[in-house]
Protein backbone atom coordinates (compact mmCIF):
# COMPACT_ATOMS: atom_id res chain seq x y z
CA MET A 1 -25.98 -135.45 132.19
CA SER A 2 -28.44 -138.35 132.59
CA LYS A 3 -28.18 -140.62 129.65
CA GLY A 4 -32.24 -141.60 130.42
CA SER A 5 -34.56 -142.30 133.27
CA VAL A 6 -35.88 -145.69 134.62
CA LEU A 7 -38.43 -146.50 136.96
CA VAL A 8 -37.66 -149.39 139.14
CA LEU A 9 -40.02 -151.30 140.87
CA GLU A 10 -38.75 -153.29 143.75
CA ASP A 11 -40.21 -153.69 147.18
CA SER A 12 -36.86 -154.30 148.81
CA ARG A 13 -35.68 -150.74 149.63
CA VAL A 14 -32.16 -151.95 150.01
CA GLN A 15 -32.38 -153.88 146.44
CA ALA A 16 -33.88 -150.69 145.44
CA GLN A 17 -31.20 -148.61 146.40
CA LEU A 18 -28.62 -150.78 144.91
CA ILE A 19 -30.23 -150.75 141.63
CA SER A 20 -30.40 -147.06 141.60
CA LYS A 21 -26.55 -146.89 142.58
CA MET A 22 -25.67 -149.20 139.57
CA LEU A 23 -27.94 -147.07 137.39
CA ASN A 24 -26.13 -143.95 138.56
CA GLN A 25 -22.84 -145.49 138.22
CA LEU A 26 -23.91 -146.18 134.35
CA GLY A 27 -25.03 -142.98 133.84
CA TRP A 28 -28.91 -142.91 133.88
CA SER A 29 -31.16 -141.49 136.63
CA ALA A 30 -33.86 -143.72 138.73
CA LEU A 31 -37.15 -143.33 139.76
CA LEU A 32 -37.65 -146.18 142.58
CA SER A 33 -41.12 -147.25 143.49
CA PHE A 34 -42.15 -149.97 146.00
CA ASP A 35 -45.78 -150.89 144.91
CA HIS A 36 -47.85 -150.98 141.74
CA LYS A 37 -49.73 -148.29 142.38
CA THR A 38 -46.53 -145.68 142.75
CA VAL A 39 -45.64 -147.26 139.21
CA LEU A 40 -48.87 -146.16 137.58
CA ASN A 41 -48.45 -142.95 139.72
CA LEU A 42 -44.94 -142.46 138.36
CA LEU A 43 -45.88 -143.23 134.61
CA ARG A 44 -48.77 -140.76 134.53
CA SER A 45 -46.62 -138.17 135.89
CA SER A 46 -43.34 -138.79 134.70
CA SER A 47 -41.42 -139.45 131.29
CA VAL A 48 -38.98 -142.85 131.55
CA ASP A 49 -37.33 -144.50 129.13
CA LEU A 50 -37.57 -148.30 130.65
CA MET A 51 -39.44 -149.94 133.42
CA LEU A 52 -37.32 -152.04 135.19
CA LEU A 53 -39.62 -154.15 137.51
CA ASP A 54 -39.32 -157.17 139.93
CA VAL A 55 -42.02 -160.01 139.48
CA TYR A 56 -43.24 -160.40 142.92
CA ILE A 57 -44.14 -157.33 145.11
CA ASP A 58 -45.08 -157.81 148.74
CA GLY A 59 -47.23 -160.66 147.86
CA ASP A 60 -48.80 -159.59 144.36
CA ASN A 61 -47.79 -160.72 140.84
CA THR A 62 -46.11 -157.69 138.71
CA LEU A 63 -47.28 -159.68 135.53
CA ALA A 64 -51.43 -159.00 136.47
CA HIS A 65 -50.67 -155.27 136.22
CA MET A 66 -48.41 -155.52 133.00
CA ALA A 67 -51.79 -154.21 130.81
CA GLU A 68 -52.42 -151.48 133.03
CA PHE A 69 -48.55 -150.23 132.66
CA ARG A 70 -48.86 -150.61 128.98
CA CYS A 71 -51.72 -148.84 128.62
CA VAL A 72 -50.47 -145.69 130.72
CA ALA A 73 -47.17 -145.79 128.70
CA PRO A 74 -47.53 -147.58 125.83
CA GLU A 75 -44.08 -146.96 123.98
CA THR A 76 -41.80 -147.44 127.39
CA PRO A 77 -40.27 -150.74 127.22
CA ILE A 78 -40.34 -152.96 130.03
CA ALA A 79 -37.46 -155.32 131.66
CA ILE A 80 -38.91 -158.02 134.19
CA MET A 81 -36.11 -158.83 136.54
CA THR A 82 -36.77 -162.47 137.98
CA ALA A 83 -34.57 -164.79 139.62
CA GLY A 84 -35.58 -167.80 137.27
CA GLY A 85 -32.02 -168.60 135.48
CA ALA A 86 -30.93 -170.22 132.52
CA GLY A 87 -30.87 -174.20 132.53
CA GLY A 88 -33.88 -176.43 132.99
CA GLN A 89 -36.86 -175.83 134.54
CA ALA A 90 -36.00 -172.40 135.84
CA LEU A 91 -35.10 -171.43 132.08
CA GLN A 92 -38.57 -172.74 131.12
CA ALA A 93 -40.32 -170.68 133.58
CA THR A 94 -38.30 -167.84 132.93
CA LEU A 95 -39.33 -167.99 129.03
CA ALA A 96 -43.25 -169.13 129.89
CA MET A 97 -43.39 -165.57 132.18
CA ALA A 98 -41.68 -163.71 129.46
CA ARG A 99 -44.61 -164.79 126.82
CA ARG A 100 -47.20 -163.88 129.41
CA ALA A 101 -46.27 -160.84 130.14
CA GLN A 102 -44.93 -159.56 126.59
CA ALA A 103 -41.76 -158.32 128.56
CA ASP A 104 -39.12 -156.39 126.42
CA PHE A 105 -36.22 -157.75 128.06
CA LEU A 106 -35.57 -160.31 131.24
CA LEU A 107 -33.08 -159.80 133.85
CA PRO A 108 -32.03 -162.67 135.82
CA LYS A 109 -31.28 -162.28 139.58
CA PRO A 110 -28.78 -161.06 140.96
CA PHE A 111 -27.48 -158.97 138.36
CA ALA A 112 -24.11 -157.02 137.66
CA PRO A 113 -23.76 -153.83 135.80
CA GLU A 114 -22.43 -155.73 132.85
CA ASN A 115 -25.78 -157.76 132.71
CA LEU A 116 -27.71 -154.35 132.73
CA THR A 117 -25.92 -152.59 130.42
CA PRO A 118 -26.56 -154.26 127.41
CA ILE A 119 -30.73 -153.60 127.99
CA LEU A 120 -29.63 -149.85 128.47
CA ASP A 121 -27.49 -149.68 125.48
CA GLU A 122 -30.48 -150.91 123.59
CA VAL A 123 -33.19 -148.96 125.31
CA ALA A 124 -31.07 -145.84 124.11
CA ARG A 125 -30.76 -147.11 120.47
CA MET A 126 -34.47 -147.46 120.33
CA ARG A 127 -34.96 -143.94 121.64
CA ARG A 128 -32.33 -142.54 119.07
CA ALA A 129 -33.19 -144.28 116.20
CA PRO A 130 -36.68 -145.27 115.00
CA GLU A 131 -35.40 -147.34 112.19
CA LEU A 132 -32.71 -149.43 113.52
CA PRO A 133 -30.54 -152.14 111.73
CA LYS A 134 -31.31 -155.48 111.37
CA HIS A 135 -30.44 -157.23 114.30
CA VAL A 136 -29.02 -161.15 113.38
CA LEU A 137 -27.96 -163.58 116.12
CA VAL A 138 -25.49 -166.34 115.42
CA VAL A 139 -25.63 -168.84 117.89
CA ASP A 140 -22.51 -171.47 116.99
CA ASP A 141 -19.81 -172.96 119.77
CA CYS A 142 -17.51 -172.79 116.80
CA SER A 143 -15.39 -169.62 117.30
CA VAL A 144 -14.21 -170.16 113.14
CA VAL A 145 -17.85 -170.25 112.19
CA ARG A 146 -18.98 -167.06 114.00
CA LYS A 147 -16.31 -165.18 113.00
CA LEU A 148 -16.52 -165.69 109.53
CA THR A 149 -20.34 -165.69 109.92
CA THR A 150 -20.42 -162.46 111.44
CA ARG A 151 -17.97 -160.59 109.51
CA ALA A 152 -19.70 -161.24 106.12
CA LEU A 153 -23.27 -159.90 108.02
CA ALA A 154 -21.67 -156.88 109.38
CA GLU A 155 -20.37 -155.83 105.97
CA LYS A 156 -24.16 -155.68 104.59
CA GLY A 157 -24.85 -153.28 107.56
CA TYR A 158 -26.37 -155.76 110.05
CA ARG A 159 -26.12 -155.51 114.00
CA ILE A 160 -24.60 -158.60 115.26
CA SER A 161 -24.54 -160.41 118.35
CA GLU A 162 -22.96 -163.37 118.91
CA ALA A 163 -23.10 -166.43 121.26
CA ARG A 164 -21.34 -169.88 122.09
CA SER A 165 -24.43 -171.78 123.14
CA MET A 166 -28.36 -171.58 123.54
CA GLU A 167 -27.54 -171.09 127.15
CA GLU A 168 -25.28 -167.92 126.31
CA ALA A 169 -28.00 -166.54 124.00
CA PHE A 170 -30.75 -166.98 126.59
CA GLU A 171 -28.60 -165.27 129.32
CA ARG A 172 -27.09 -162.69 127.18
CA VAL A 173 -29.22 -161.75 124.13
CA ASP A 174 -32.13 -159.82 123.74
CA ILE A 175 -33.32 -162.19 121.64
CA ALA A 176 -37.03 -160.33 121.95
CA HIS A 177 -35.13 -157.70 119.33
CA VAL A 178 -33.55 -159.83 117.25
CA ASP A 179 -35.23 -160.24 113.80
CA VAL A 180 -33.44 -163.58 112.73
CA VAL A 181 -31.42 -166.45 114.66
CA LEU A 182 -28.82 -168.23 112.63
CA SER A 183 -28.59 -171.19 115.20
CA ASP A 184 -26.34 -174.41 114.65
CA VAL A 185 -27.97 -177.65 115.54
CA PHE A 186 -25.45 -179.27 117.31
CA MET A 187 -23.82 -177.73 120.30
CA PRO A 188 -22.81 -178.63 123.66
CA GLY A 189 -25.54 -178.09 126.55
CA MET A 190 -29.18 -177.39 125.29
CA GLY A 191 -28.20 -177.81 121.72
CA GLY A 192 -29.81 -176.04 118.72
CA ILE A 193 -33.18 -178.12 118.01
CA GLU A 194 -34.20 -177.43 121.65
CA GLY A 195 -33.36 -174.00 121.62
CA ILE A 196 -35.25 -173.27 117.97
CA SER A 197 -38.46 -174.65 119.71
CA ILE A 198 -38.27 -172.37 122.76
CA ILE A 199 -37.45 -169.12 120.82
CA LYS A 200 -40.16 -170.12 118.23
CA SER A 201 -42.84 -170.62 121.04
CA THR A 202 -41.72 -167.77 122.77
CA TRP A 203 -40.65 -165.21 120.14
CA PRO A 204 -42.62 -166.30 117.05
CA ARG A 205 -42.02 -163.22 115.33
CA VAL A 206 -38.37 -163.89 115.15
CA ALA A 207 -37.34 -165.96 111.96
CA VAL A 208 -34.98 -168.94 112.78
CA VAL A 209 -32.11 -170.37 110.28
CA ALA A 210 -31.07 -173.89 111.49
CA MET A 211 -27.29 -174.74 110.26
CA SER A 212 -25.83 -177.80 110.46
CA ALA A 213 -23.00 -180.23 108.65
CA GLY A 214 -24.72 -183.43 110.64
CA ALA A 215 -22.65 -185.31 113.31
CA GLU A 216 -20.60 -188.05 112.60
CA GLN A 217 -22.61 -191.49 114.34
CA ARG A 218 -25.46 -189.46 115.33
CA LEU A 219 -27.58 -187.52 112.15
CA ASP A 220 -26.69 -186.98 108.71
CA THR A 221 -26.68 -183.18 107.66
CA ALA A 222 -30.18 -183.66 106.01
CA GLN A 223 -31.70 -185.43 109.14
CA ALA A 224 -30.67 -182.99 111.41
CA LEU A 225 -32.11 -180.01 109.34
CA ALA A 226 -35.34 -182.05 109.21
CA ALA A 227 -35.64 -182.03 112.95
CA ALA A 228 -34.56 -178.51 113.35
CA LYS A 229 -37.11 -177.62 110.65
CA TYR A 230 -39.96 -179.76 112.62
CA MET A 231 -39.27 -178.04 115.90
CA GLY A 232 -39.83 -174.49 114.11
CA ALA A 233 -37.15 -173.08 112.18
CA ASP A 234 -38.08 -171.24 108.97
CA ALA A 235 -35.15 -171.92 106.72
CA LEU A 236 -32.57 -174.20 106.76
CA LEU A 237 -28.82 -173.70 105.71
CA PRO A 238 -26.41 -176.86 105.07
CA LYS A 239 -22.71 -176.32 106.15
CA PRO A 240 -20.30 -175.35 104.56
CA PHE A 241 -21.99 -172.57 102.79
CA THR A 242 -20.72 -169.08 101.19
CA PRO A 243 -21.22 -165.81 102.55
CA ASP A 244 -23.71 -165.06 99.48
CA ASP A 245 -25.77 -168.43 100.18
CA MET A 246 -26.08 -166.86 103.95
CA ASN A 247 -26.95 -163.54 103.10
CA TYR A 248 -29.18 -164.59 100.45
CA VAL A 249 -31.28 -166.81 103.09
CA VAL A 250 -31.14 -163.85 105.97
CA GLU A 251 -32.53 -161.22 103.38
CA ALA A 252 -35.68 -163.66 102.31
CA MET A 253 -36.15 -164.09 105.96
CA LEU A 254 -36.35 -160.30 106.33
CA GLU A 255 -38.53 -159.84 103.32
CA GLU A 256 -40.98 -162.51 104.66
CA LYS A 257 -40.87 -160.74 108.13
CA ALA A 258 -41.84 -157.28 106.42
CA ALA A 259 -44.45 -159.09 104.40
CA ALA A 260 -46.25 -160.76 107.36
């Protein structure tokens, strides 16, 4: 029995068949379309659980048709397939596309079943339970901090995701459906300050809590957190902190979101 149906828009018939095979292997059925008109016809005649749409179709841009797709199937989540990966200008282009398209998911190309599985799992959860547990993403390069933080959050019943860097968070985690991000400020690569700025400009409804113990010979804790606040962080959490401190801040962020 199929876990659900996915409408795939891909103008390469070879790629479309490969994606269909991948979905079948994961237990999902696929409806294939090779142009935007066919997508609309299928949405009107069929019930689908996810739209998996490539950006460039035979010289046309799928983003220009998003409003039509939303109008016909407003409750169906949309995943945009893109060749823009994480890092530098390619990441910025991918995130800018997400802002314009208001996509629910981004799936960089090429992708493997393990990249597609988290999206399908999230779609299945959305379909089963209208009221999902609040989703908290922890981004920290320290495995000890991630372990202690996620354990304390899990005890409160939150759904938890974790990442070792902002690059990993953008590649592997569905930030569009995260309620709160707990992010360290100093991490290898992009780092927390730039990452916080990108999150708040792309997904402004996601609450961000900046964590920092400062960095020797760079910035003290107060300066680091002030910089994060300037880049858009909604709350600050100096390290070290207790589980009670962290849970209090997370609960306060969720209450603010509910009130807004």
